C-alpha atoms as a PDB file:
ATOM      1  CA  MET A   1      -0.054   0.238   0.074  1.00  0.00           C
ATOM      2  CA  GLY A   2       2.853   2.294   0.838  1.00  0.00           C
ATOM      3  CA  ALA A   3       4.427   2.026  -2.860  1.00  0.00           C
ATOM      4  CA  ASN A   4       0.907   2.948  -4.268  1.00  0.00           C
ATOM      5  CA  ALA A   5       0.611   6.081  -2.226  1.00  0.00           C
ATOM      6  CA  ALA A   6       4.246   7.142  -3.206  1.00  0.00           C
ATOM      7  CA  TYR A   7       3.367   6.666  -6.786  1.00  0.00           C
ATOM      8  CA  TRP A   8       0.033   8.714  -6.622  1.00  0.00           C
ATOM      9  CA  ALA A   9       2.236  11.332  -4.764  1.00  0.00           C
ATOM     10  CA  ILE A  10       4.811  11.449  -7.529  1.00  0.00           C
ATOM     11  CA  ALA A  11       2.132  11.562 -10.280  1.00  0.00           C
ATOM     12  CA  ALA A  12       0.278  14.402  -8.546  1.00  0.00           C
ATOM     13  CA  VAL A  13       3.551  16.469  -8.126  1.00  0.00           C
ATOM     14  CA  THR A  14       4.345  15.760 -11.809  1.00  0.00           C
ATOM     15  CA  ALA A  15       0.763  16.771 -12.935  1.00  0.00           C
ATOM     16  CA  GLY A  16       1.093  19.999 -11.085  1.00  0.00           C
ATOM     17  CA  ALA A  17       4.362  20.713 -12.359  1.00  0.00           C
ATOM     18  CA  ALA A  18       3.225  20.121 -15.908  1.00  0.00           C
ATOM     19  CA  SER A  19       0.240  22.240 -15.295  1.00  0.00           C
ATOM     20  CA  ALA A  20       2.189  25.232 -13.873  1.00  0.00           C
ATOM     21  CA  GLN A  21       4.654  25.053 -16.792  1.00  0.00           C
ATOM     22  CA  HIS A  22       1.568  24.988 -19.198  1.00  0.00           C
ATOM     23  CA  ASP A  23       0.413  27.999 -17.619  1.00  0.00           C
ATOM     24  CA  GLN A  24       3.674  29.666 -17.888  1.00  0.00           C
ATOM     25  CA  ALA A  25       3.895  28.739 -21.596  1.00  0.00           C
ATOM     26  CA  ASN A  26       0.592  30.180 -22.328  1.00  0.00           C
ATOM     27  CA  ALA A  27       1.482  33.463 -20.603  1.00  0.00           C
ATOM     28  CA  ALA A  28       4.609  33.846 -22.554  1.00  0.00           C
ATOM     29  CA  ARG A  29       2.807  33.161 -25.805  1.00  0.00           C
ATOM     30  CA  ASN A  30       0.372  35.723 -25.075  1.00  0.00           C
ATOM     31  CA  GLN A  31       2.917  38.352 -24.005  1.00  0.00           C
ATOM     32  CA  ALA A  32       4.767  37.406 -27.208  1.00  0.00           C
ATOM     33  CA  GLU A  33       1.689  37.944 -29.458  1.00  0.00           C
ATOM     34  CA  ARG A  34       1.043  41.362 -27.642  1.00  0.00           C
ATOM     35  CA  GLU A  35       4.341  42.237 -28.289  1.00  0.00           C
ATOM     36  CA  ALA A  36       4.283  41.331 -32.033  1.00  0.00           C
ATOM     37  CA  ASN A  37       0.904  43.403 -32.262  1.00  0.00           C
ATOM     38  CA  ARG A  38       2.648  46.333 -30.919  1.00  0.00           C
ATOM     39  CA  GLN A  39       5.642  46.003 -32.865  1.00  0.00           C
ATOM     40  CA  ARG A  40       3.155  45.720 -36.151  1.00  0.00           C
ATOM     41  CA  ASP A  41       1.251  48.701 -35.195  1.00  0.00           C
ATOM     42  CA  ALA A  42       4.538  50.699 -34.731  1.00  0.00           C
ATOM     43  CA  LEU A  43       5.786  49.616 -38.194  1.00  0.00           C
ATOM     44  CA  ALA A  44       2.675  50.429 -39.863  1.00  0.00           C
ATOM     45  CA  ALA A  45       2.609  54.068 -38.212  1.00  0.00           C
ATOM     46  CA  LEU A  46       6.249  54.291 -39.575  1.00  0.00           C
ATOM     47  CA  GLN A  47       5.085  53.211 -42.916  1.00  0.00           C
ATOM     48  CA  GLN A  48       2.410  55.993 -43.054  1.00  0.00           C
ATOM     49  CA  GLU A  49       4.888  58.655 -42.314  1.00  0.00           C
ATOM     50  CA  GLU A  50       6.207  60.570 -45.434  1.00  0.00           C
ATOM     51  CA  GLU A  51       9.726  60.258 -46.246  1.00  0.00           C
ATOM     52  CA  PRO A  52      12.106  63.121 -45.351  1.00  0.00           C
ATOM     53  CA  ILE A  53      12.884  65.436 -48.270  1.00  0.00           C
ATOM     54  CA  MET A  54      16.705  65.693 -48.906  1.00  0.00           C
ATOM     55  CA  PRO A  55      17.870  69.202 -49.273  1.00  0.00           C
ATOM     56  CA  ILE A  56      19.182  69.858 -52.734  1.00  0.00           C
ATOM     57  CA  ALA A  57      22.309  72.049 -52.910  1.00  0.00           C
ATOM     58  CA  ASP A  58      21.555  75.513 -54.461  1.00  0.00           C
ATOM     59  CA  ASP A  59      24.210  75.934 -57.036  1.00  0.00           C
ATOM     60  CA  ASP A  60      23.981  79.574 -57.390  1.00  0.00           C
ATOM     61  CA  SER A  61      24.578  79.974 -53.542  1.00  0.00           C
ATOM     62  CA  VAL A  62      27.452  77.477 -53.780  1.00  0.00           C
ATOM     63  CA  ARG A  63      29.054  79.241 -56.510  1.00  0.00           C
ATOM     64  CA  ARG A  64      28.757  82.615 -54.620  1.00  0.00           C
ATOM     65  CA  ALA A  65      30.121  81.248 -51.378  1.00  0.00           C
ATOM     66  CA  ARG A  66      33.127  79.772 -53.299  1.00  0.00           C
ATOM     67  CA  ARG A  67      33.911  83.076 -54.878  1.00  0.00           C
ATOM     68  CA  ARG A  68      33.635  84.825 -51.428  1.00  0.00           C
ATOM     69  CA  SER A  69      36.137  82.317 -50.125  1.00  0.00           C
ATOM     70  CA  ILE A  70      38.492  82.614 -52.859  1.00  0.00           C
ATOM     71  CA  THR A  71      38.563  86.577 -52.879  1.00  0.00           C
ATOM     72  CA  SER A  72      38.812  86.561 -49.047  1.00  0.00           C
ATOM     73  CA  GLN A  73      42.089  84.037 -49.225  1.00  0.00           C
ATOM     74  CA  MET A  74      43.415  86.432 -52.047  1.00  0.00           C
ATOM     75  CA  ARG A  75      43.107  89.578 -49.772  1.00  0.00           C
ATOM     76  CA  ARG A  76      44.861  87.559 -46.888  1.00  0.00           C
ATOM     77  CA  ARG A  77      47.352  86.172 -49.182  1.00  0.00           C
ATOM     78  CA  GLY A  78      46.450  82.467 -48.224  1.00  0.00           C
ATOM     79  CA  ARG A  79      44.203  80.485 -46.217  1.00  0.00           C
ATOM     80  CA  ALA A  80      43.646  81.333 -42.559  1.00  0.00           C
ATOM     81  CA  SER A  81      45.309  78.140 -41.334  1.00  0.00           C
ATOM     82  CA  THR A  82      48.681  78.634 -43.268  1.00  0.00           C
ATOM     83  CA  ILE A  83      49.190  82.447 -42.318  1.00  0.00           C
ATOM     84  CA  LEU A  84      51.975  82.435 -39.856  1.00  0.00           C
ATOM     85  CA  THR A  85      52.125  86.126 -39.059  1.00  0.00           C
ATOM     86  CA  ASP A  86      49.582  88.696 -37.723  1.00  0.00           C
ATOM     87  CA  THR A  87      48.926  91.625 -39.935  1.00  0.00           C
ATOM     88  CA  THR A  88      49.027  94.328 -37.067  1.00  0.00           C
ATOM     89  CA  ALA A  89      52.093  96.881 -37.031  1.00  0.00           C
ATOM     90  CA  SER A  90      53.227  95.366 -33.424  1.00  0.00           C
ATOM     91  CA  SER A  91      53.422  91.875 -34.500  1.00  0.00           C
ATOM     92  CA  ASP A  92      56.576  89.950 -34.698  1.00  0.00           C
ATOM     93  CA  VAL A  93      56.903  86.937 -37.091  1.00  0.00           C
ATOM     94  CA  LEU A  94      55.931  83.762 -35.420  1.00  0.00           C
ATOM     95  CA  GLY A  95      58.367  81.110 -34.716  1.00  0.00           C
ATOM     96  CA  THR A  96      61.388  83.416 -34.023  1.00  0.00           C
END
């Protein structure tokens, strides 16, 4: 009789564990479905948005800016990064 009761106790514990595992699997499945629906809705919302417009370079303004840069370099006699002396009367040559 004692072996029979132990068998039923093991069977009850196993059935309880299987039931708990089944409930956890269902909860995980439901959570995954909710997450998939949320991501699907977010993707649909992103697809509804308009694509950003790429700005196109204004050729005339680029040409004018390049011309201004060249004329200012000609006035300075070089690029600002390569000028080694200050143009004021009180300055000495740098590096001496």
